[in-house]
C-alpha atoms as a PDB file:
ATOM      1  CA  GLN A   1      14.273  47.149  43.017  1.00  0.00           C
ATOM      2  CA  PHE A   2      11.494  47.531  40.493  1.00  0.00           C
ATOM      3  CA  CYS A   3       8.392  45.241  41.408  1.00  0.00           C
ATOM      4  CA  LEU A   4       6.061  45.122  38.468  1.00  0.00           C
ATOM      5  CA  ALA A   5       5.715  41.642  37.488  1.00  0.00           C
ATOM      6  CA  GLU A   6       3.426  39.239  39.344  1.00  0.00           C
ATOM      7  CA  LEU A   7       4.052  35.508  39.305  1.00  0.00           C
ATOM      8  CA  ARG A   8       0.674  34.535  37.639  1.00  0.00           C
ATOM      9  CA  ARG A   9       0.381  37.443  35.162  1.00  0.00           C
ATOM     10  CA  GLY A  10       3.971  38.475  34.490  1.00  0.00           C
ATOM     11  CA  LEU A  11       3.958  42.067  33.023  1.00  0.00           C
ATOM     12  CA  ASP A  12       0.222  42.277  32.344  1.00  0.00           C
ATOM     13  CA  ILE A  13      -0.515  45.511  34.202  1.00  0.00           C
ATOM     14  CA  PHE A  14      -4.040  45.510  33.201  1.00  0.00           C
ATOM     15  CA  ARG A  15      -4.907  42.381  35.014  1.00  0.00           C
ATOM     16  CA  MET A  16      -2.488  43.126  38.048  1.00  0.00           C
ATOM     17  CA  LYS A  17      -4.251  41.941  41.358  1.00  0.00           C
ATOM     18  CA  THR A  18      -1.913  43.818  43.735  1.00  0.00           C
ATOM     19  CA  SER A  19      -3.638  46.582  45.399  1.00  0.00           C
ATOM     20  CA  ALA A  20      -2.485  49.552  47.506  1.00  0.00           C
ATOM     21  CA  THR A  21      -5.061  51.209  49.738  1.00  0.00           C
ATOM     22  CA  LEU A  22      -4.218  54.563  51.302  1.00  0.00           C
ATOM     23  CA  LEU A  23      -4.980  54.557  54.942  1.00  0.00           C
ATOM     24  CA  PRO A  24      -6.080  57.696  56.932  1.00  0.00           C
ATOM     25  CA  THR A  25      -2.401  57.707  58.468  1.00  0.00           C
ATOM     26  CA  GLY A  26      -0.959  58.225  54.920  1.00  0.00           C
ATOM     27  CA  GLU A  27       0.525  54.858  54.882  1.00  0.00           C
ATOM     28  CA  PHE A  28      -0.350  52.204  52.099  1.00  0.00           C
ATOM     29  CA  ASP A  29      -1.798  48.719  52.803  1.00  0.00           C
ATOM     30  CA  LEU A  30      -0.474  46.558  50.129  1.00  0.00           C
ATOM     31  CA  HIS A  31      -2.592  43.364  49.378  1.00  0.00           C
ATOM     32  CA  MET A  32      -2.104  40.414  47.025  1.00  0.00           C
ATOM     33  CA  PRO A  33      -5.178  38.134  47.043  1.00  0.00           C
ATOM     34  CA  LEU A  34      -3.440  34.967  46.247  1.00  0.00           C
ATOM     35  CA  PRO A  35       0.088  33.700  46.602  1.00  0.00           C
ATOM     36  CA  SER A  36       0.359  33.548  42.769  1.00  0.00           C
ATOM     37  CA  ASP A  37      -0.269  37.243  42.789  1.00  0.00           C
ATOM     38  CA  ALA A  38       2.962  38.037  44.607  1.00  0.00           C
ATOM     39  CA  LYS A  39       5.531  40.347  43.065  1.00  0.00           C
ATOM     40  CA  PHE A  40       8.886  39.038  42.025  1.00  0.00           C
ATOM     41  CA  MET A  41      12.139  40.627  40.718  1.00  0.00           C
ATOM     42  CA  PRO A  42      15.406  39.157  39.651  1.00  0.00           C
ATOM     43  CA  PRO A  43      17.713  38.211  42.586  1.00  0.00           C
ATOM     44  CA  THR A  44      20.066  40.763  43.644  1.00  0.00           C
ATOM     45  CA  ILE A  45      22.937  40.907  46.135  1.00  0.00           C
ATOM     46  CA  PRO A  46      22.497  43.229  49.067  1.00  0.00           C
ATOM     47  CA  VAL A  47      25.273  45.754  49.539  1.00  0.00           C
ATOM     48  CA  LYS A  48      26.506  46.190  53.225  1.00  0.00           C
ATOM     49  CA  GLY A  49      25.549  49.761  54.471  1.00  0.00           C
ATOM     50  CA  LEU A  50      23.161  50.507  51.462  1.00  0.00           C
ATOM     51  CA  SER A  51      19.448  50.741  52.035  1.00  0.00           C
ATOM     52  CA  CYS A  52      17.281  48.563  49.788  1.00  0.00           C
ATOM     53  CA  ILE A  53      14.424  50.478  48.149  1.00  0.00           C
ATOM     54  CA  ALA A  54      11.648  49.028  46.041  1.00  0.00           C
ATOM     55  CA  VAL A  55       9.078  50.577  43.682  1.00  0.00           C
ATOM     56  CA  VAL A  56       5.902  48.478  43.828  1.00  0.00           C
ATOM     57  CA  PHE A  57       3.222  48.672  40.995  1.00  0.00           C
ATOM     58  CA  ALA A  58      -0.381  48.171  42.309  1.00  0.00           C
ATOM     59  CA  GLN A  59      -4.015  49.253  41.798  1.00  0.00           C
ATOM     60  CA  LEU A  60      -4.734  52.292  43.938  1.00  0.00           C
ATOM     61  CA  TYR A  61      -7.587  52.719  46.215  1.00  0.00           C
ATOM     62  CA  MET A  62      -8.303  55.978  48.018  1.00  0.00           C
ATOM     63  CA  ASP A  63     -11.454  56.708  50.093  1.00  0.00           C
ATOM     64  CA  GLY A  64     -13.078  53.450  48.931  1.00  0.00           C
ATOM     65  CA  GLU A  65     -12.659  54.297  45.227  1.00  0.00           C
ATOM     66  CA  PHE A  66     -10.542  52.745  42.527  1.00  0.00           C
ATOM     67  CA  ARG A  67      -8.127  55.275  41.102  1.00  0.00           C
ATOM     68  CA  GLY A  68      -6.520  53.159  38.419  1.00  0.00           C
ATOM     69  CA  PRO A  69      -6.164  53.474  34.634  1.00  0.00           C
END
């Protein structure tokens, strides 16, 4: 799965509202401020026995600093 588009903004990556904050545990906290900021992708059919993996595009925050473009 390729999760780039947001419901409200489509493919406008410079106005993207999804954020990913790197936690001290090494995990990411993904956050969408509003329901209209949710990611969406074309519908797919799961295949039994295969894992589902997604690439999610987000604005990156590390140590309280924005690390985006």
